[in-house]
């Protein structure tokens, strides 16, 4: 997907403006917030703006991911299965574990694997020591498909993040994980460099 295609496939209904500090915001959203019946504090306004910006970004990213996967003959779910198997030990995982990791139901993972198996990208392997256990394993064709897409996916992400400094990328990553921490209660592991 070329970056010009990315820009053409995304649509934003707001109006971008820059505040005194040079930071972007949606002036239409801010005006809407300020005209609400109950006046909001500056912290409340900034929270609503930030959460709205995050939701819009997530929606646009998901739309782009869906279109990118479709151009490669995959759904987003199938793409996630292939990427997960590509990084798994021996390029295989038990179906139940794969469902857990991808946060989908066992029924959903069965459907995803059915399609990928039909396309020759994944195969099911029974565990000879435990008949209840079935693995999904990436085939050579599946590995080639992912390898071909990996560089393009990185290029796509770099283009979307164009203009952000390393510091801004780290702040973005940190802010997202702080929100995840707040929503899930995930414990912070030992800090490292």
Protein backbone atom coordinates (compact mmCIF):
# COMPACT_ATOMS: atom_id res chain seq x y z
CA UNK A 1 0.00 0.00 0.00
CA UNK A 2 1.56 3.29 -1.07
CA UNK A 3 1.42 6.21 1.35
CA UNK A 4 -0.63 8.23 -1.13
CA UNK A 5 -3.11 5.33 -1.02
CA UNK A 6 -3.10 5.50 2.78
CA UNK A 7 -3.95 9.20 2.73
CA UNK A 8 -6.69 8.64 0.16
CA UNK A 9 -8.27 5.79 2.13
CA UNK A 10 -8.52 7.69 5.42
CA UNK A 11 -11.20 10.23 6.16
CA UNK A 12 -11.31 12.59 9.14
CA UNK A 13 -14.45 14.64 9.78
CA UNK A 14 -12.87 17.07 12.21
CA UNK A 15 -10.94 20.28 11.65
CA UNK A 16 -7.28 20.20 12.65
CA UNK A 17 -5.86 23.31 14.30
CA UNK A 18 -2.72 24.13 16.27
CA UNK A 19 -2.72 25.49 19.80
CA UNK A 20 -0.24 28.04 21.19
CA UNK A 21 2.21 25.25 22.08
CA UNK A 22 2.14 23.97 18.49
CA UNK A 23 0.08 20.88 19.36
CA UNK A 24 -2.67 19.65 17.08
CA UNK A 25 -6.29 19.46 18.18
CA UNK A 26 -9.72 19.19 16.56
CA UNK A 27 -11.25 22.66 16.70
CA UNK A 28 -14.74 21.37 15.87
CA UNK A 29 -14.59 18.86 18.73
CA UNK A 30 -13.25 21.47 21.16
CA UNK A 31 -16.02 23.89 20.19
CA UNK A 32 -18.60 21.13 20.65
CA UNK A 33 -17.19 20.27 24.08
CA UNK A 34 -17.14 23.89 25.19
CA UNK A 35 -20.75 24.43 24.10
CA UNK A 36 -21.95 21.52 26.26
CA UNK A 37 -24.56 22.19 28.94
CA UNK A 38 -22.16 21.56 31.80
CA UNK A 39 -18.87 23.40 31.50
CA UNK A 40 -15.88 21.07 31.67
CA UNK A 41 -12.59 21.73 33.40
CA UNK A 42 -9.44 21.99 31.26
CA UNK A 43 -8.44 18.49 32.42
CA UNK A 44 -11.84 17.12 31.38
CA UNK A 45 -11.62 18.85 27.98
CA UNK A 46 -8.10 17.51 27.35
CA UNK A 47 -9.15 14.02 28.46
CA UNK A 48 -12.16 13.96 26.12
CA UNK A 49 -10.02 15.33 23.26
CA UNK A 50 -7.24 12.79 23.82
CA UNK A 51 -9.58 9.81 24.14
CA UNK A 52 -11.50 10.91 21.03
CA UNK A 53 -8.26 11.30 19.07
CA UNK A 54 -7.20 7.83 20.19
CA UNK A 55 -10.54 6.30 19.11
CA UNK A 56 -10.34 7.98 15.70
CA UNK A 57 -6.74 6.85 15.25
CA UNK A 58 -7.66 3.28 16.24
CA UNK A 59 -10.60 3.27 13.80
CA UNK A 60 -8.48 4.57 10.92
CA UNK A 61 -5.65 2.15 11.70
CA UNK A 62 -8.07 -0.78 11.77
CA UNK A 63 -9.58 0.30 8.43
CA UNK A 64 -6.13 0.53 6.86
CA UNK A 65 -5.12 -2.84 8.32
CA UNK A 66 -8.29 -4.46 6.96
CA UNK A 67 -7.67 -3.02 3.48
CA UNK A 68 -4.00 -4.00 3.55
CA UNK A 69 -4.86 -7.57 4.57
CA UNK A 70 -7.56 -7.74 1.86
CA UNK A 71 -5.03 -6.71 -0.78
CA UNK A 72 -3.04 -9.79 0.24
CA UNK A 73 -6.10 -12.05 0.15
CA UNK A 74 -6.44 -12.20 3.93
CA UNK A 75 -8.75 -10.93 6.63
CA UNK A 76 -7.23 -9.03 9.55
CA UNK A 77 -7.85 -12.06 11.79
CA UNK A 78 -6.06 -14.43 9.40
CA UNK A 79 -3.18 -11.99 9.13
CA UNK A 80 -2.81 -11.94 12.92
CA UNK A 81 -2.77 -15.75 13.00
CA UNK A 82 0.01 -15.86 10.40
CA UNK A 83 2.10 -13.22 12.18
CA UNK A 84 1.69 -15.00 15.53
CA UNK A 85 2.67 -18.37 14.08
CA UNK A 86 5.64 -16.82 12.27
CA UNK A 87 7.14 -15.81 15.63
CA UNK A 88 6.13 -18.94 17.60
CA UNK A 89 8.64 -21.69 18.43
CA UNK A 90 8.78 -24.07 15.45
CA UNK A 91 6.15 -21.81 13.83
CA UNK A 92 3.36 -23.64 15.64
CA UNK A 93 0.99 -23.17 18.57
CA UNK A 94 -1.83 -25.21 20.11
CA UNK A 95 -5.18 -23.96 18.81
CA UNK A 96 -6.40 -23.10 22.33
CA UNK A 97 -3.27 -21.10 23.09
CA UNK A 98 -3.52 -19.32 19.73
CA UNK A 99 -7.12 -18.36 20.53
CA UNK A 100 -6.05 -17.04 23.94
CA UNK A 101 -3.13 -15.05 22.56
CA UNK A 102 -5.27 -13.49 19.84
CA UNK A 103 -8.16 -12.96 22.29
CA UNK A 104 -10.71 -14.77 20.12
CA UNK A 105 -13.06 -17.65 20.85
CA UNK A 106 -12.13 -21.25 20.09
CA UNK A 107 -14.89 -21.27 17.44
CA UNK A 108 -13.38 -18.19 15.82
CA UNK A 109 -9.86 -19.65 15.76
CA UNK A 110 -11.27 -22.82 14.16
CA UNK A 111 -12.78 -20.76 11.35
CA UNK A 112 -9.59 -18.77 10.83
CA UNK A 113 -7.49 -21.93 10.70
CA UNK A 114 -9.99 -23.60 8.34
CA UNK A 115 -9.55 -20.76 5.83
CA UNK A 116 -5.78 -20.59 6.20
CA UNK A 117 -5.50 -24.36 5.87
CA UNK A 118 -7.68 -24.32 2.74
CA UNK A 119 -5.33 -21.67 1.29
CA UNK A 120 -2.28 -23.78 2.12
CA UNK A 121 -0.84 -21.22 4.55
CA UNK A 122 -1.34 -23.21 7.77
CA UNK A 123 -1.68 -26.89 8.60
CA UNK A 124 -3.16 -28.70 11.58
CA UNK A 125 -0.86 -31.09 13.42
CA UNK A 126 -2.15 -33.56 16.03
CA UNK A 127 -0.01 -34.04 19.12
CA UNK A 128 0.98 -37.74 19.15
CA UNK A 129 1.35 -37.73 22.95
CA UNK A 130 -1.97 -35.97 23.66
CA UNK A 131 -4.84 -36.69 21.26
CA UNK A 132 -6.81 -33.76 22.69
CA UNK A 133 -4.18 -31.28 21.50
CA UNK A 134 -4.05 -29.91 17.95
CA UNK A 135 -1.48 -27.42 16.73
CA UNK A 136 -1.65 -24.86 13.95
CA UNK A 137 1.65 -24.72 12.08
CA UNK A 138 2.73 -22.21 9.47
CA UNK A 139 3.47 -23.86 6.14
CA UNK A 140 6.34 -22.87 3.85
CA UNK A 141 3.82 -21.00 1.69
CA UNK A 142 2.47 -19.20 4.78
CA UNK A 143 6.01 -18.24 5.80
CA UNK A 144 6.71 -16.85 2.33
CA UNK A 145 3.46 -14.86 2.39
CA UNK A 146 4.33 -13.30 5.76
CA UNK A 147 7.96 -12.62 4.79
CA UNK A 148 6.73 -10.81 1.70
CA UNK A 149 4.34 -8.70 3.74
CA UNK A 150 6.62 -7.91 6.70
CA UNK A 151 8.79 -5.30 4.96
CA UNK A 152 5.75 -3.65 3.42
CA UNK A 153 4.03 -3.55 6.82
CA UNK A 154 7.03 -1.86 8.41
CA UNK A 155 7.16 0.68 5.59
CA UNK A 156 3.45 1.38 6.06
CA UNK A 157 3.94 1.97 9.81
CA UNK A 158 6.93 4.25 9.22
CA UNK A 159 4.93 6.35 6.78
CA UNK A 160 2.04 6.71 9.20
CA UNK A 161 4.48 7.79 11.94
CA UNK A 162 6.39 10.13 9.60
CA UNK A 163 7.26 13.42 11.24
CA UNK A 164 7.21 12.05 14.79
CA UNK A 165 10.53 12.22 16.61
CA UNK A 166 11.92 9.26 18.57
CA UNK A 167 10.91 11.12 21.74
CA UNK A 168 7.34 11.61 20.46
CA UNK A 169 7.12 7.93 19.50
CA UNK A 170 8.28 6.94 22.98
CA UNK A 171 5.76 9.33 24.56
CA UNK A 172 3.00 7.89 22.37
CA UNK A 173 3.98 4.32 23.29
CA UNK A 174 4.17 5.27 26.97
CA UNK A 175 0.78 7.02 26.95
CA UNK A 176 -0.89 4.06 25.24
CA UNK A 177 0.57 1.60 27.73
CA UNK A 178 -0.40 3.84 30.66
CA UNK A 179 -3.99 3.70 29.38
CA UNK A 180 -3.72 -0.08 29.08
CA UNK A 181 -2.36 -0.19 32.62
CA UNK A 182 -5.31 1.92 33.84
CA UNK A 183 -7.88 -0.23 32.00
CA UNK A 184 -6.48 -3.66 32.83
CA UNK A 185 -4.52 -3.25 36.03
CA UNK A 186 -1.56 -4.86 34.26
CA UNK A 187 1.45 -4.85 36.54
CA UNK A 188 4.56 -3.01 35.48
CA UNK A 189 7.53 -5.36 35.32
CA UNK A 190 10.98 -4.33 36.44
CA UNK A 191 12.04 -1.20 34.61
CA UNK A 192 14.97 -1.38 32.22
CA UNK A 193 16.86 0.93 29.86
